[in-house]
Amino acid sequence: MDKTKLFPLLLFTTLLSGCWSSSATYEGVKFPQTTNSQATFLEEGVSSDCTAFAHLLMSSKSHSSGKDIASAMHREAEDKGANLILIGISRELPDAELIENRFNYYGPEYPYAFKRTWLGWKFGFEEWDEAGSLTDLGVDSWGNGNNTYDNSLIIQAVFLRCGQDL
């Protein structure tokens, strides 16, 4: 086959293979993996030695318990190198019946000192605004295997790296 015809065909095939990929590759800031992340629901619970490096919205799979959601969030955080997770508000996704958890990242481009630079939950508005009513995912239900959510949830979170091992 003529080389001039082969190149466009290879380029087209490569581009199409990325269009139907079911998993996105994380390209944000990462630290060495951790094994024991903690979660807080209060911005005041973040110490002054913490660096924020990932803003995200987690969409949980349908029929997850508070324990399922917490476990998935901790695994994702530890894989990216977080040792603290700040959990924000969560809402229902009544029209979504996800069969696996989804993590959508919204920066930042570089890590920053949380106490000096945090500007609030100002990311992922398009996805957040399409969600349903607020849910009761909080301190009492986080990690609770007896509390099950029929619908998928969308959960605000920030991954942080705290301590001397930055």
C-alpha atoms as a PDB file:
ATOM      1  CA  MET A   1       0.000   0.000   0.000  1.00  0.00           C
ATOM      2  CA  ASP A   2       1.196   3.495  -0.785  1.00  0.00           C
ATOM      3  CA  LYS A   3       2.815   5.173   2.249  1.00  0.00           C
ATOM      4  CA  THR A   4       0.786   8.349   1.750  1.00  0.00           C
ATOM      5  CA  LYS A   5      -2.451   6.348   2.132  1.00  0.00           C
ATOM      6  CA  LEU A   6      -1.172   4.254   5.032  1.00  0.00           C
ATOM      7  CA  PHE A   7      -0.308   7.208   7.305  1.00  0.00           C
ATOM      8  CA  PRO A   8      -3.826   8.772   7.325  1.00  0.00           C
ATOM      9  CA  LEU A   9      -5.328   5.336   7.961  1.00  0.00           C
ATOM     10  CA  LEU A  10      -3.017   4.735  10.945  1.00  0.00           C
ATOM     11  CA  LEU A  11      -3.682   8.236  12.298  1.00  0.00           C
ATOM     12  CA  PHE A  12      -7.451   7.802  11.956  1.00  0.00           C
ATOM     13  CA  THR A  13      -7.332   4.395  13.692  1.00  0.00           C
ATOM     14  CA  THR A  14      -5.258   5.802  16.554  1.00  0.00           C
ATOM     15  CA  LEU A  15      -7.627   8.727  17.059  1.00  0.00           C
ATOM     16  CA  LEU A  16     -10.684   6.481  17.040  1.00  0.00           C
ATOM     17  CA  SER A  17      -9.203   4.087  19.571  1.00  0.00           C
ATOM     18  CA  GLY A  18      -9.013   6.955  22.094  1.00  0.00           C
ATOM     19  CA  CYS A  19     -12.619   7.996  21.503  1.00  0.00           C
ATOM     20  CA  TRP A  20     -14.119   4.801  22.875  1.00  0.00           C
ATOM     21  CA  SER A  21     -11.729   4.286  25.750  1.00  0.00           C
ATOM     22  CA  SER A  22     -13.677   3.493  28.936  1.00  0.00           C
ATOM     23  CA  SER A  23     -11.048   4.726  31.364  1.00  0.00           C
ATOM     24  CA  ALA A  24      -9.303   8.043  31.522  1.00  0.00           C
ATOM     25  CA  THR A  25      -5.694   8.221  32.602  1.00  0.00           C
ATOM     26  CA  TYR A  26      -4.978  10.496  35.552  1.00  0.00           C
ATOM     27  CA  GLU A  27      -2.544  13.199  34.478  1.00  0.00           C
ATOM     28  CA  GLY A  28      -2.568  15.419  37.560  1.00  0.00           C
ATOM     29  CA  VAL A  29      -0.099  15.885  40.391  1.00  0.00           C
ATOM     30  CA  LYS A  30       0.911  12.703  42.215  1.00  0.00           C
ATOM     31  CA  PHE A  31       2.949  11.920  45.290  1.00  0.00           C
ATOM     32  CA  PRO A  32       4.341   8.533  46.358  1.00  0.00           C
ATOM     33  CA  GLN A  33       1.525   6.168  47.319  1.00  0.00           C
ATOM     34  CA  THR A  34       0.282   6.107  50.892  1.00  0.00           C
ATOM     35  CA  THR A  35      -1.410   3.360  52.877  1.00  0.00           C
ATOM     36  CA  ASN A  36      -3.404   5.070  55.606  1.00  0.00           C
ATOM     37  CA  SER A  37      -5.334   8.131  54.455  1.00  0.00           C
ATOM     38  CA  GLN A  38      -7.701   9.954  56.787  1.00  0.00           C
ATOM     39  CA  ALA A  39     -10.874  11.882  55.934  1.00  0.00           C
ATOM     40  CA  THR A  40     -12.226  15.143  57.306  1.00  0.00           C
ATOM     41  CA  PHE A  41     -15.459  16.998  56.598  1.00  0.00           C
ATOM     42  CA  LEU A  42     -14.270  20.308  58.033  1.00  0.00           C
ATOM     43  CA  GLU A  43     -11.902  22.742  56.359  1.00  0.00           C
ATOM     44  CA  GLU A  44     -10.743  23.590  59.887  1.00  0.00           C
ATOM     45  CA  GLY A  45      -9.622  19.950  60.169  1.00  0.00           C
ATOM     46  CA  VAL A  46      -6.856  20.567  57.628  1.00  0.00           C
ATOM     47  CA  SER A  47      -3.571  21.457  59.335  1.00  0.00           C
ATOM     48  CA  SER A  48      -1.246  24.206  58.152  1.00  0.00           C
ATOM     49  CA  ASP A  49       1.329  21.711  56.839  1.00  0.00           C
ATOM     50  CA  CYS A  50      -1.069  20.292  54.207  1.00  0.00           C
ATOM     51  CA  THR A  51      -0.669  20.745  50.480  1.00  0.00           C
ATOM     52  CA  ALA A  52      -3.713  20.370  48.210  1.00  0.00           C
ATOM     53  CA  PHE A  53      -2.958  18.694  44.911  1.00  0.00           C
ATOM     54  CA  ALA A  54      -6.225  17.286  43.479  1.00  0.00           C
ATOM     55  CA  HIS A  55      -9.743  18.715  43.249  1.00  0.00           C
ATOM     56  CA  LEU A  56     -12.288  16.094  42.240  1.00  0.00           C
ATOM     57  CA  LEU A  57     -15.857  14.933  42.031  1.00  0.00           C
ATOM     58  CA  MET A  58     -16.441  11.251  42.744  1.00  0.00           C
ATOM     59  CA  SER A  59     -19.540   9.646  41.238  1.00  0.00           C
ATOM     60  CA  SER A  60     -20.336   6.487  43.191  1.00  0.00           C
ATOM     61  CA  LYS A  61     -21.772   3.328  41.733  1.00  0.00           C
ATOM     62  CA  SER A  62     -25.449   2.632  42.431  1.00  0.00           C
ATOM     63  CA  HIS A  63     -26.444   0.802  45.625  1.00  0.00           C
ATOM     64  CA  SER A  64     -23.206   1.665  47.432  1.00  0.00           C
ATOM     65  CA  SER A  65     -22.998   1.810  51.194  1.00  0.00           C
ATOM     66  CA  GLY A  66     -21.172   4.510  53.103  1.00  0.00           C
ATOM     67  CA  LYS A  67     -18.417   1.937  53.626  1.00  0.00           C
ATOM     68  CA  ASP A  68     -18.188   1.206  49.880  1.00  0.00           C
ATOM     69  CA  ILE A  69     -17.901   4.908  49.072  1.00  0.00           C
ATOM     70  CA  ALA A  70     -15.314   5.569  51.781  1.00  0.00           C
ATOM     71  CA  SER A  71     -13.218   2.556  50.732  1.00  0.00           C
ATOM     72  CA  ALA A  72     -13.227   3.600  47.069  1.00  0.00           C
ATOM     73  CA  MET A  73     -12.317   7.203  47.917  1.00  0.00           C
ATOM     74  CA  HIS A  74      -9.479   6.105  50.233  1.00  0.00           C
ATOM     75  CA  ARG A  75      -8.060   3.706  47.608  1.00  0.00           C
ATOM     76  CA  GLU A  76      -8.102   6.455  44.967  1.00  0.00           C
ATOM     77  CA  ALA A  77      -6.540   8.992  47.343  1.00  0.00           C
ATOM     78  CA  GLU A  78      -3.796   6.639  48.492  1.00  0.00           C
ATOM     79  CA  ASP A  79      -2.994   5.657  44.916  1.00  0.00           C
ATOM     80  CA  LYS A  80      -2.439   9.349  44.099  1.00  0.00           C
ATOM     81  CA  GLY A  81      -0.384   9.917  47.279  1.00  0.00           C
ATOM     82  CA  ALA A  82      -2.897  11.649  49.552  1.00  0.00           C
ATOM     83  CA  ASN A  83      -2.811  11.099  53.287  1.00  0.00           C
ATOM     84  CA  LEU A  84      -5.817  13.368  53.971  1.00  0.00           C
ATOM     85  CA  ILE A  85      -9.117  13.773  52.099  1.00  0.00           C
ATOM     86  CA  LEU A  86     -11.337  16.804  52.581  1.00  0.00           C
ATOM     87  CA  ILE A  87     -14.913  15.727  51.817  1.00  0.00           C
ATOM     88  CA  GLY A  88     -17.402  18.368  50.760  1.00  0.00           C
ATOM     89  CA  ILE A  89     -21.110  18.153  50.007  1.00  0.00           C
ATOM     90  CA  SER A  90     -22.729  15.292  48.121  1.00  0.00           C
ATOM     91  CA  ARG A  91     -25.770  15.125  45.887  1.00  0.00           C
ATOM     92  CA  GLU A  92     -27.808  12.357  44.299  1.00  0.00           C
ATOM     93  CA  LEU A  93     -27.462  11.427  40.654  1.00  0.00           C
ATOM     94  CA  PRO A  94     -31.018  10.118  40.199  1.00  0.00           C
ATOM     95  CA  ASP A  95     -30.739   9.513  36.439  1.00  0.00           C
ATOM     96  CA  ALA A  96     -27.414   7.657  36.628  1.00  0.00           C
ATOM     97  CA  GLU A  97     -27.072   3.991  37.470  1.00  0.00           C
ATOM     98  CA  LEU A  98     -23.311   3.676  37.490  1.00  0.00           C
ATOM     99  CA  ILE A  99     -21.832   0.191  37.686  1.00  0.00           C
ATOM    100  CA  GLU A 100     -18.422   1.470  38.795  1.00  0.00           C
ATOM    101  CA  ASN A 101     -17.101   4.514  40.613  1.00  0.00           C
ATOM    102  CA  ARG A 102     -15.902   7.450  38.539  1.00  0.00           C
ATOM    103  CA  PHE A 103     -13.385  10.127  39.577  1.00  0.00           C
ATOM    104  CA  ASN A 104     -13.325  13.393  37.608  1.00  0.00           C
ATOM    105  CA  TYR A 105     -10.383  15.686  38.343  1.00  0.00           C
ATOM    106  CA  TYR A 106     -10.352  19.494  38.056  1.00  0.00           C
ATOM    107  CA  GLY A 107      -6.737  20.466  38.773  1.00  0.00           C
ATOM    108  CA  PRO A 108      -4.949  22.274  40.203  1.00  0.00           C
ATOM    109  CA  GLU A 109      -1.975  22.492  37.880  1.00  0.00           C
ATOM    110  CA  TYR A 110       0.419  22.506  40.816  1.00  0.00           C
ATOM    111  CA  PRO A 111       0.186  21.739  44.575  1.00  0.00           C
ATOM    112  CA  TYR A 112      -0.569  24.651  46.904  1.00  0.00           C
ATOM    113  CA  ALA A 113      -0.593  25.345  50.639  1.00  0.00           C
ATOM    114  CA  PHE A 114      -4.201  24.658  51.579  1.00  0.00           C
ATOM    115  CA  LYS A 115      -4.507  27.107  54.498  1.00  0.00           C
ATOM    116  CA  ARG A 116      -3.105  30.032  52.477  1.00  0.00           C
ATOM    117  CA  THR A 117      -4.646  29.437  49.062  1.00  0.00           C
ATOM    118  CA  TRP A 118      -7.891  27.398  49.321  1.00  0.00           C
ATOM    119  CA  LEU A 119     -10.700  29.321  47.605  1.00  0.00           C
ATOM    120  CA  GLY A 120     -13.529  26.871  48.234  1.00  0.00           C
ATOM    121  CA  TRP A 121     -15.498  24.438  46.143  1.00  0.00           C
ATOM    122  CA  LYS A 122     -15.078  26.241  42.819  1.00  0.00           C
ATOM    123  CA  PHE A 123     -14.641  23.383  40.367  1.00  0.00           C
ATOM    124  CA  GLY A 124     -16.781  20.999  38.346  1.00  0.00           C
ATOM    125  CA  PHE A 125     -19.831  23.281  38.273  1.00  0.00           C
ATOM    126  CA  GLU A 126     -21.273  21.857  35.062  1.00  0.00           C
ATOM    127  CA  GLU A 127     -21.276  18.329  36.441  1.00  0.00           C
ATOM    128  CA  TRP A 128     -22.346  19.477  39.923  1.00  0.00           C
ATOM    129  CA  ASP A 129     -25.254  21.601  38.672  1.00  0.00           C
ATOM    130  CA  GLU A 130     -26.769  18.664  36.783  1.00  0.00           C
ATOM    131  CA  ALA A 131     -27.043  16.576  39.971  1.00  0.00           C
ATOM    132  CA  GLY A 132     -30.150  16.139  42.119  1.00  0.00           C
ATOM    133  CA  SER A 133     -30.869  16.874  45.762  1.00  0.00           C
ATOM    134  CA  LEU A 134     -28.339  16.990  48.600  1.00  0.00           C
ATOM    135  CA  THR A 135     -27.672  13.743  50.465  1.00  0.00           C
ATOM    136  CA  ASP A 136     -26.790  12.848  54.019  1.00  0.00           C
ATOM    137  CA  LEU A 137     -23.317  11.467  53.284  1.00  0.00           C
ATOM    138  CA  GLY A 138     -21.428  12.815  56.276  1.00  0.00           C
ATOM    139  CA  VAL A 139     -19.580  11.831  59.417  1.00  0.00           C
ATOM    140  CA  ASP A 140     -22.294   9.400  60.569  1.00  0.00           C
ATOM    141  CA  SER A 141     -22.629   7.589  57.226  1.00  0.00           C
ATOM    142  CA  TRP A 142     -19.005   7.730  55.986  1.00  0.00           C
ATOM    143  CA  GLY A 143     -17.629   4.211  56.338  1.00  0.00           C
ATOM    144  CA  ASN A 144     -20.988   2.864  57.580  1.00  0.00           C
ATOM    145  CA  GLY A 145     -21.844  -0.439  55.889  1.00  0.00           C
ATOM    146  CA  ASN A 146     -25.453  -0.276  57.097  1.00  0.00           C
ATOM    147  CA  ASN A 147     -26.264   2.959  55.254  1.00  0.00           C
ATOM    148  CA  THR A 148     -26.954   2.209  51.558  1.00  0.00           C
ATOM    149  CA  TYR A 149     -27.677   4.726  48.795  1.00  0.00           C
ATOM    150  CA  ASP A 150     -29.971   3.460  46.033  1.00  0.00           C
ATOM    151  CA  ASN A 151     -28.875   6.186  43.619  1.00  0.00           C
ATOM    152  CA  SER A 152     -25.378   7.079  42.546  1.00  0.00           C
ATOM    153  CA  LEU A 153     -23.942  10.063  44.420  1.00  0.00           C
ATOM    154  CA  ILE A 154     -21.630  12.861  43.339  1.00  0.00           C
ATOM    155  CA  ILE A 155     -19.195  13.835  46.090  1.00  0.00           C
ATOM    156  CA  GLN A 156     -16.858  16.827  46.311  1.00  0.00           C
ATOM    157  CA  ALA A 157     -13.337  16.069  47.526  1.00  0.00           C
ATOM    158  CA  VAL A 158      -9.825  17.452  47.749  1.00  0.00           C
ATOM    159  CA  PHE A 159      -6.755  15.232  48.095  1.00  0.00           C
ATOM    160  CA  LEU A 160      -4.053  16.591  50.377  1.00  0.00           C
ATOM    161  CA  ARG A 161      -0.537  15.602  51.354  1.00  0.00           C
ATOM    162  CA  CYS A 162       0.317  16.606  54.928  1.00  0.00           C
ATOM    163  CA  GLY A 163       3.420  16.399  57.046  1.00  0.00           C
ATOM    164  CA  GLN A 164       7.137  16.338  56.522  1.00  0.00           C
ATOM    165  CA  ASP A 165       7.102  13.833  53.651  1.00  0.00           C
ATOM    166  CA  LEU A 166       6.122  16.343  50.986  1.00  0.00           C
END
